[in-house]
C-alpha atoms as a PDB file:
ATOM      1  CA  UNK A   1      -0.120  -0.133   0.157  1.00  0.00           C
ATOM      2  CA  UNK A   2       1.019   3.924  -0.458  1.00  0.00           C
ATOM      3  CA  UNK A   3      -0.064   7.044   0.797  1.00  0.00           C
ATOM      4  CA  UNK A   4       1.156  10.118  -0.071  1.00  0.00           C
ATOM      5  CA  UNK A   5       2.686  12.965   2.512  1.00  0.00           C
ATOM      6  CA  UNK A   6       0.719  16.450   2.546  1.00  0.00           C
ATOM      7  CA  UNK A   7       2.318  19.864   2.572  1.00  0.00           C
ATOM      8  CA  UNK A   8       2.166  19.416   6.801  1.00  0.00           C
ATOM      9  CA  UNK A   9       3.907  16.314   6.778  1.00  0.00           C
ATOM     10  CA  UNK A  10       1.193  14.359   7.627  1.00  0.00           C
ATOM     11  CA  UNK A  11       0.032  10.801   5.900  1.00  0.00           C
ATOM     12  CA  UNK A  12      -3.236   8.627   5.959  1.00  0.00           C
ATOM     13  CA  UNK A  13      -2.887   5.435   7.215  1.00  0.00           C
ATOM     14  CA  UNK A  14      -5.200   3.404   4.900  1.00  0.00           C
ATOM     15  CA  UNK A  15      -8.864   2.145   6.375  1.00  0.00           C
ATOM     16  CA  UNK A  16      -7.746  -1.777   6.182  1.00  0.00           C
ATOM     17  CA  UNK A  17      -4.628  -1.045   8.458  1.00  0.00           C
ATOM     18  CA  UNK A  18      -6.224   1.326  10.890  1.00  0.00           C
ATOM     19  CA  UNK A  19      -9.072  -1.414  11.045  1.00  0.00           C
ATOM     20  CA  UNK A  20      -6.796  -4.313  11.390  1.00  0.00           C
ATOM     21  CA  UNK A  21      -4.658  -2.688  14.349  1.00  0.00           C
ATOM     22  CA  UNK A  22      -7.556  -1.102  15.879  1.00  0.00           C
ATOM     23  CA  UNK A  23      -6.368   2.635  15.727  1.00  0.00           C
ATOM     24  CA  UNK A  24      -8.769   4.883  17.219  1.00  0.00           C
ATOM     25  CA  UNK A  25      -8.943   9.085  16.902  1.00  0.00           C
ATOM     26  CA  UNK A  26      -6.249  10.336  19.518  1.00  0.00           C
ATOM     27  CA  UNK A  27      -4.253   7.324  19.591  1.00  0.00           C
ATOM     28  CA  UNK A  28      -0.487   7.993  19.712  1.00  0.00           C
ATOM     29  CA  UNK A  29       1.910   6.063  17.779  1.00  0.00           C
ATOM     30  CA  UNK A  30       5.526   5.647  18.223  1.00  0.00           C
ATOM     31  CA  UNK A  31       8.039   6.118  15.269  1.00  0.00           C
ATOM     32  CA  UNK A  32      11.167   4.551  14.632  1.00  0.00           C
ATOM     33  CA  UNK A  33      13.938   4.914  12.637  1.00  0.00           C
ATOM     34  CA  UNK A  34      15.792   1.841  11.128  1.00  0.00           C
ATOM     35  CA  UNK A  35      18.269   2.808   8.678  1.00  0.00           C
ATOM     36  CA  UNK A  36      16.481   3.175   5.622  1.00  0.00           C
ATOM     37  CA  UNK A  37      13.147   2.448   7.111  1.00  0.00           C
ATOM     38  CA  UNK A  38      10.447   4.371   9.192  1.00  0.00           C
ATOM     39  CA  UNK A  39       8.324   1.817  11.293  1.00  0.00           C
ATOM     40  CA  UNK A  40       5.081   3.363  13.043  1.00  0.00           C
ATOM     41  CA  UNK A  41       3.685   1.321  16.432  1.00  0.00           C
ATOM     42  CA  UNK A  42       0.839   1.865  18.696  1.00  0.00           C
ATOM     43  CA  UNK A  43       2.304   3.413  21.659  1.00  0.00           C
ATOM     44  CA  UNK A  44       0.536   1.519  24.969  1.00  0.00           C
ATOM     45  CA  UNK A  45      -1.726   3.486  27.060  1.00  0.00           C
ATOM     46  CA  UNK A  46      -1.156   4.423  30.493  1.00  0.00           C
ATOM     47  CA  UNK A  47      -4.013   4.380  32.668  1.00  0.00           C
ATOM     48  CA  UNK A  48      -4.699   7.281  34.530  1.00  0.00           C
ATOM     49  CA  UNK A  49      -4.438   7.063  38.298  1.00  0.00           C
ATOM     50  CA  UNK A  50      -7.455   6.658  40.581  1.00  0.00           C
ATOM     51  CA  UNK A  51      -7.356   9.252  43.566  1.00  0.00           C
ATOM     52  CA  UNK A  52      -7.127   6.282  45.875  1.00  0.00           C
ATOM     53  CA  UNK A  53      -3.895   4.880  44.093  1.00  0.00           C
ATOM     54  CA  UNK A  54      -2.629   8.605  43.784  1.00  0.00           C
ATOM     55  CA  UNK A  55      -3.149   8.668  47.646  1.00  0.00           C
ATOM     56  CA  UNK A  56      -1.394   4.950  48.340  1.00  0.00           C
ATOM     57  CA  UNK A  57       1.718   6.628  45.958  1.00  0.00           C
ATOM     58  CA  UNK A  58       1.992   9.488  48.137  1.00  0.00           C
ATOM     59  CA  UNK A  59       5.880   9.590  49.242  1.00  0.00           C
ATOM     60  CA  UNK A  60       4.739  11.130  52.622  1.00  0.00           C
ATOM     61  CA  UNK A  61       5.248   8.146  55.493  1.00  0.00           C
ATOM     62  CA  UNK A  62       2.679   9.167  57.935  1.00  0.00           C
ATOM     63  CA  UNK A  63      -0.188  10.212  54.858  1.00  0.00           C
ATOM     64  CA  UNK A  64      -3.519   8.387  55.701  1.00  0.00           C
ATOM     65  CA  UNK A  65      -6.959   9.267  55.718  1.00  0.00           C
ATOM     66  CA  UNK A  66      -8.994   6.674  57.440  1.00  0.00           C
ATOM     67  CA  UNK A  67     -12.101   7.750  55.811  1.00  0.00           C
ATOM     68  CA  UNK A  68     -13.173  10.840  53.338  1.00  0.00           C
ATOM     69  CA  UNK A  69     -15.735  11.874  56.067  1.00  0.00           C
ATOM     70  CA  UNK A  70     -12.564  12.817  58.197  1.00  0.00           C
ATOM     71  CA  UNK A  71     -10.981  14.685  55.482  1.00  0.00           C
ATOM     72  CA  UNK A  72     -11.293  18.162  54.451  1.00  0.00           C
ATOM     73  CA  UNK A  73     -14.550  19.892  55.109  1.00  0.00           C
ATOM     74  CA  UNK A  74     -14.704  21.409  51.497  1.00  0.00           C
ATOM     75  CA  UNK A  75     -14.956  18.152  49.618  1.00  0.00           C
ATOM     76  CA  UNK A  76     -18.893  17.127  49.258  1.00  0.00           C
ATOM     77  CA  UNK A  77     -20.117  13.747  49.655  1.00  0.00           C
END
């Protein structure tokens, strides 16, 4: 298959390839240069941390909230 480089440096990945590899709008692609080749790879998605995981990963040793009710008063439940 071939594609054309636009004046803005963009290329179109043919629909058959996008479907086969399940590319979606907004997916990130990695570009690798190998000698005289350019290789595109789908980047792995990174999951966003939940609030609980973010709090557990806190570097402060004594950081702990027993219950959300015991936390700051400006958080509405």
